[in-house]
């Protein structure tokens, strides 16, 4: 059993900084929880459940973060957003300190607590060896496909990429120079997957499966299934016709905007001097779709100056046709 008494391994006195730190932690300990001591790797470590407030986090960062890696500002922003959005779920991951009372894991969470102004209950381990820092965060991070797989979603790698693409497109963050806040955290990914509708998402994946064998690779699997979801929200029949003709090259006429788009995409694949950026690619697809939806002919695709596109634009054009 764990014990709160001193063990025989703890024969040396603690550093002044560690004693000061543990005094802070003890005063912020979650009510009715024990302070546990146990032998670990030649030391006696202490484990507490601590309510880490912004003020405690600030004190720790000021006095006990003397030797640590460089702060990753993007990671701090991400964690702050997770906490502020109430997406943070306690997962057993600790904030830990070495024998000198210095943080060796958890500085980004501490900064996120400070920035968000929200207190979190966190397990804190103190008195780890100095060598422990070398193995912190060396494992692979859990991906969106991992969490969907755990949720029981089949073909999770493809589904995760598709859901993230749909999200980015719908909020207009598809451009290469609009990368900030364009994706979803793992918790947001699961919520958005169910918000879109698991049946609808899987239907779009099944469509991709139906066209991939006979079709060329003019667009990626993610774009096929992602655009299937987006276009069939507007017009199911025309959306599937558009993508089937585009991917498989069937039933095309010389003056079809799909033919013009397909030729452009193939050229970007085979001609090393002709490349489309991600933004240009998506604009060409949606521009050709708009023309196809309106039954317009086009032997070539030339985007209008300052052409901007969003799903709402295409929805509005369809509503205009139906009025």
Foldseek 3Di string as FASTA:
>chain_A
DWDPDDDPLPPDDAAPLQVVLVVLQVVQFDPPWDWTWDDDPSWIKIKTFGFQFLVNLVVCVVRAAPDEDDDDVLLLVVLLVCVLVVNDDDDQDAFEEASNRHTLDDNSVSSSNNVNRDIDTHMYMYHHHPVVSVPPPPDDDQDLLNLVVVVVDPPSVLLLLLLLVLQLQQVVQQAPVSPPPSGDDSSVSVVSCVVLPVVLLVVLLVLLVVQVPQFDPLDDSSCSSNQQSLVVVQPNVLSSVLSNCLGNVPPDDQFQLSVQLSVLSVCLVPPPVDHDGSVRNVLSSVVSSLCVLVVHTHNHDDDDPPDDDGSVVSNVSSVVVVD
